[in-house]
């Protein structure tokens, strides 16, 4: 694993579709307090805007969200950081493991 590359968070699987994130869904990522919030983007307001990807997982089409870049490191999500993903319809909250207990 090359540590000079920017960190990445890859989420993929049928569960994304179940929570409202289908292929080509525009999304926005908000960053605050050791937490990333991914929401479906229905308006023109831009934060960090990307789309949900289509990929194959075990030879089956599925959806995927790939968050990648130096900005992840800036917000404390470096290589090897364990995270917890909380799901609501149209919203995913990604928190560093351990930090989610502080939010509860």
C-alpha atoms as a PDB file:
ATOM      1  CA  UNK A   1       0.000   0.000   0.000  1.00  0.00           C
ATOM      2  CA  UNK A   2       1.546   3.233  -1.136  1.00  0.00           C
ATOM      3  CA  UNK A   3       1.270   5.835   1.628  1.00  0.00           C
ATOM      4  CA  UNK A   4       2.040   8.771  -0.681  1.00  0.00           C
ATOM      5  CA  UNK A   5      -1.315   8.384  -2.389  1.00  0.00           C
ATOM      6  CA  UNK A   6      -4.230  10.274  -0.857  1.00  0.00           C
ATOM      7  CA  UNK A   7      -6.498   8.320   1.495  1.00  0.00           C
ATOM      8  CA  UNK A   8      -9.782   6.940   0.196  1.00  0.00           C
ATOM      9  CA  UNK A   9     -13.066   5.675   1.617  1.00  0.00           C
ATOM     10  CA  UNK A  10     -14.832   3.221  -0.688  1.00  0.00           C
ATOM     11  CA  UNK A  11     -18.382   2.136   0.053  1.00  0.00           C
ATOM     12  CA  UNK A  12     -20.121  -0.273  -2.297  1.00  0.00           C
ATOM     13  CA  UNK A  13     -22.930  -2.751  -2.315  1.00  0.00           C
ATOM     14  CA  UNK A  14     -26.666  -3.176  -2.646  1.00  0.00           C
ATOM     15  CA  UNK A  15     -27.141  -1.487   0.732  1.00  0.00           C
ATOM     16  CA  UNK A  16     -26.353   1.899  -0.878  1.00  0.00           C
ATOM     17  CA  UNK A  17     -29.317   1.556  -3.223  1.00  0.00           C
ATOM     18  CA  UNK A  18     -31.534   0.579  -0.283  1.00  0.00           C
ATOM     19  CA  UNK A  19     -30.615   3.879   1.399  1.00  0.00           C
ATOM     20  CA  UNK A  20     -31.401   5.975  -1.686  1.00  0.00           C
ATOM     21  CA  UNK A  21     -28.022   6.150  -3.415  1.00  0.00           C
ATOM     22  CA  UNK A  22     -28.506   4.774  -6.930  1.00  0.00           C
ATOM     23  CA  UNK A  23     -26.077   5.098  -9.842  1.00  0.00           C
ATOM     24  CA  UNK A  24     -25.657   8.706 -11.031  1.00  0.00           C
ATOM     25  CA  UNK A  25     -27.317  10.157  -7.898  1.00  0.00           C
ATOM     26  CA  UNK A  26     -25.631  13.530  -7.297  1.00  0.00           C
ATOM     27  CA  UNK A  27     -24.300  13.766  -3.753  1.00  0.00           C
ATOM     28  CA  UNK A  28     -22.621  16.358  -1.566  1.00  0.00           C
ATOM     29  CA  UNK A  29     -20.089  15.732   1.188  1.00  0.00           C
ATOM     30  CA  UNK A  30     -20.003  17.992   4.254  1.00  0.00           C
ATOM     31  CA  UNK A  31     -17.023  17.884   6.638  1.00  0.00           C
ATOM     32  CA  UNK A  32     -17.116  18.865  10.312  1.00  0.00           C
ATOM     33  CA  UNK A  33     -15.868  17.664  13.711  1.00  0.00           C
ATOM     34  CA  UNK A  34     -14.234  14.370  12.646  1.00  0.00           C
ATOM     35  CA  UNK A  35     -17.383  13.526  10.689  1.00  0.00           C
ATOM     36  CA  UNK A  36     -18.243  13.332   6.998  1.00  0.00           C
ATOM     37  CA  UNK A  37     -21.875  13.559   5.961  1.00  0.00           C
ATOM     38  CA  UNK A  38     -22.879  12.327   2.498  1.00  0.00           C
ATOM     39  CA  UNK A  39     -26.311  13.508   1.341  1.00  0.00           C
ATOM     40  CA  UNK A  40     -28.331  13.260  -1.844  1.00  0.00           C
ATOM     41  CA  UNK A  41     -27.985  16.553  -3.638  1.00  0.00           C
ATOM     42  CA  UNK A  42     -31.283  17.828  -4.991  1.00  0.00           C
ATOM     43  CA  UNK A  43     -30.535  21.537  -5.241  1.00  0.00           C
ATOM     44  CA  UNK A  44     -27.807  23.666  -6.814  1.00  0.00           C
ATOM     45  CA  UNK A  45     -25.930  24.304  -3.546  1.00  0.00           C
ATOM     46  CA  UNK A  46     -22.411  22.950  -3.888  1.00  0.00           C
ATOM     47  CA  UNK A  47     -20.119  21.748  -1.175  1.00  0.00           C
ATOM     48  CA  UNK A  48     -18.054  18.844  -2.511  1.00  0.00           C
ATOM     49  CA  UNK A  49     -20.217  17.383  -5.241  1.00  0.00           C
ATOM     50  CA  UNK A  50     -19.710  13.939  -6.788  1.00  0.00           C
ATOM     51  CA  UNK A  51     -21.897  11.165  -8.187  1.00  0.00           C
ATOM     52  CA  UNK A  52     -22.570   7.608  -7.133  1.00  0.00           C
ATOM     53  CA  UNK A  53     -20.683   5.162  -9.360  1.00  0.00           C
ATOM     54  CA  UNK A  54     -21.780   1.908 -10.894  1.00  0.00           C
ATOM     55  CA  UNK A  55     -19.371  -0.993 -10.335  1.00  0.00           C
ATOM     56  CA  UNK A  56     -19.320  -4.748 -10.422  1.00  0.00           C
ATOM     57  CA  UNK A  57     -18.921  -6.674  -7.176  1.00  0.00           C
ATOM     58  CA  UNK A  58     -18.665 -10.445  -7.462  1.00  0.00           C
ATOM     59  CA  UNK A  59     -19.823 -10.180 -11.112  1.00  0.00           C
ATOM     60  CA  UNK A  60     -23.020  -8.349 -10.120  1.00  0.00           C
ATOM     61  CA  UNK A  61     -23.758  -4.680 -10.869  1.00  0.00           C
ATOM     62  CA  UNK A  62     -23.820  -2.574  -7.732  1.00  0.00           C
ATOM     63  CA  UNK A  63     -23.476   1.040  -6.645  1.00  0.00           C
ATOM     64  CA  UNK A  64     -20.395   2.596  -5.085  1.00  0.00           C
ATOM     65  CA  UNK A  65     -19.372   5.849  -3.431  1.00  0.00           C
ATOM     66  CA  UNK A  66     -15.661   6.630  -3.533  1.00  0.00           C
ATOM     67  CA  UNK A  67     -14.360   9.468  -1.389  1.00  0.00           C
ATOM     68  CA  UNK A  68     -10.716  10.147  -2.201  1.00  0.00           C
ATOM     69  CA  UNK A  69      -8.266  13.004  -1.870  1.00  0.00           C
ATOM     70  CA  UNK A  70      -5.958  15.035   0.317  1.00  0.00           C
ATOM     71  CA  UNK A  71      -9.041  16.679   1.834  1.00  0.00           C
ATOM     72  CA  UNK A  72      -9.774  13.389   3.701  1.00  0.00           C
ATOM     73  CA  UNK A  73      -6.412  13.629   5.451  1.00  0.00           C
ATOM     74  CA  UNK A  74      -7.123  17.279   6.286  1.00  0.00           C
ATOM     75  CA  UNK A  75     -10.278  16.153   8.125  1.00  0.00           C
ATOM     76  CA  UNK A  76      -8.417  13.404  10.027  1.00  0.00           C
ATOM     77  CA  UNK A  77      -9.294  10.410   7.832  1.00  0.00           C
ATOM     78  CA  UNK A  78      -5.809   9.055   7.118  1.00  0.00           C
ATOM     79  CA  UNK A  79      -4.722   5.615   5.860  1.00  0.00           C
ATOM     80  CA  UNK A  80      -5.917   2.912   8.244  1.00  0.00           C
ATOM     81  CA  UNK A  81      -8.519   5.040  10.050  1.00  0.00           C
ATOM     82  CA  UNK A  82     -11.428   2.843  11.165  1.00  0.00           C
ATOM     83  CA  UNK A  83     -14.829   4.360  10.491  1.00  0.00           C
ATOM     84  CA  UNK A  84     -18.473   3.750  11.336  1.00  0.00           C
ATOM     85  CA  UNK A  85     -21.163   4.475   8.719  1.00  0.00           C
ATOM     86  CA  UNK A  86     -24.640   5.394   9.983  1.00  0.00           C
ATOM     87  CA  UNK A  87     -27.454   5.240   7.443  1.00  0.00           C
ATOM     88  CA  UNK A  88     -30.628   7.247   7.005  1.00  0.00           C
ATOM     89  CA  UNK A  89     -32.524   7.388   3.727  1.00  0.00           C
ATOM     90  CA  UNK A  90     -30.588   9.778   1.496  1.00  0.00           C
ATOM     91  CA  UNK A  91     -27.918  10.423   4.136  1.00  0.00           C
ATOM     92  CA  UNK A  92     -24.770   8.591   5.279  1.00  0.00           C
ATOM     93  CA  UNK A  93     -22.735   9.776   8.266  1.00  0.00           C
ATOM     94  CA  UNK A  94     -19.121   8.597   8.394  1.00  0.00           C
ATOM     95  CA  UNK A  95     -17.442   9.006  11.766  1.00  0.00           C
ATOM     96  CA  UNK A  96     -14.031   7.929  12.983  1.00  0.00           C
ATOM     97  CA  UNK A  97     -14.439   4.836  15.155  1.00  0.00           C
ATOM     98  CA  UNK A  98     -14.467   5.921  18.791  1.00  0.00           C
ATOM     99  CA  UNK A  99     -15.612   9.456  17.935  1.00  0.00           C
ATOM    100  CA  UNK A 100     -19.171   8.203  17.291  1.00  0.00           C
ATOM    101  CA  UNK A 101     -19.533   7.323  20.995  1.00  0.00           C
ATOM    102  CA  UNK A 102     -18.789  10.957  21.856  1.00  0.00           C
ATOM    103  CA  UNK A 103     -21.652  12.096  19.577  1.00  0.00           C
ATOM    104  CA  UNK A 104     -24.232   9.767  21.175  1.00  0.00           C
END
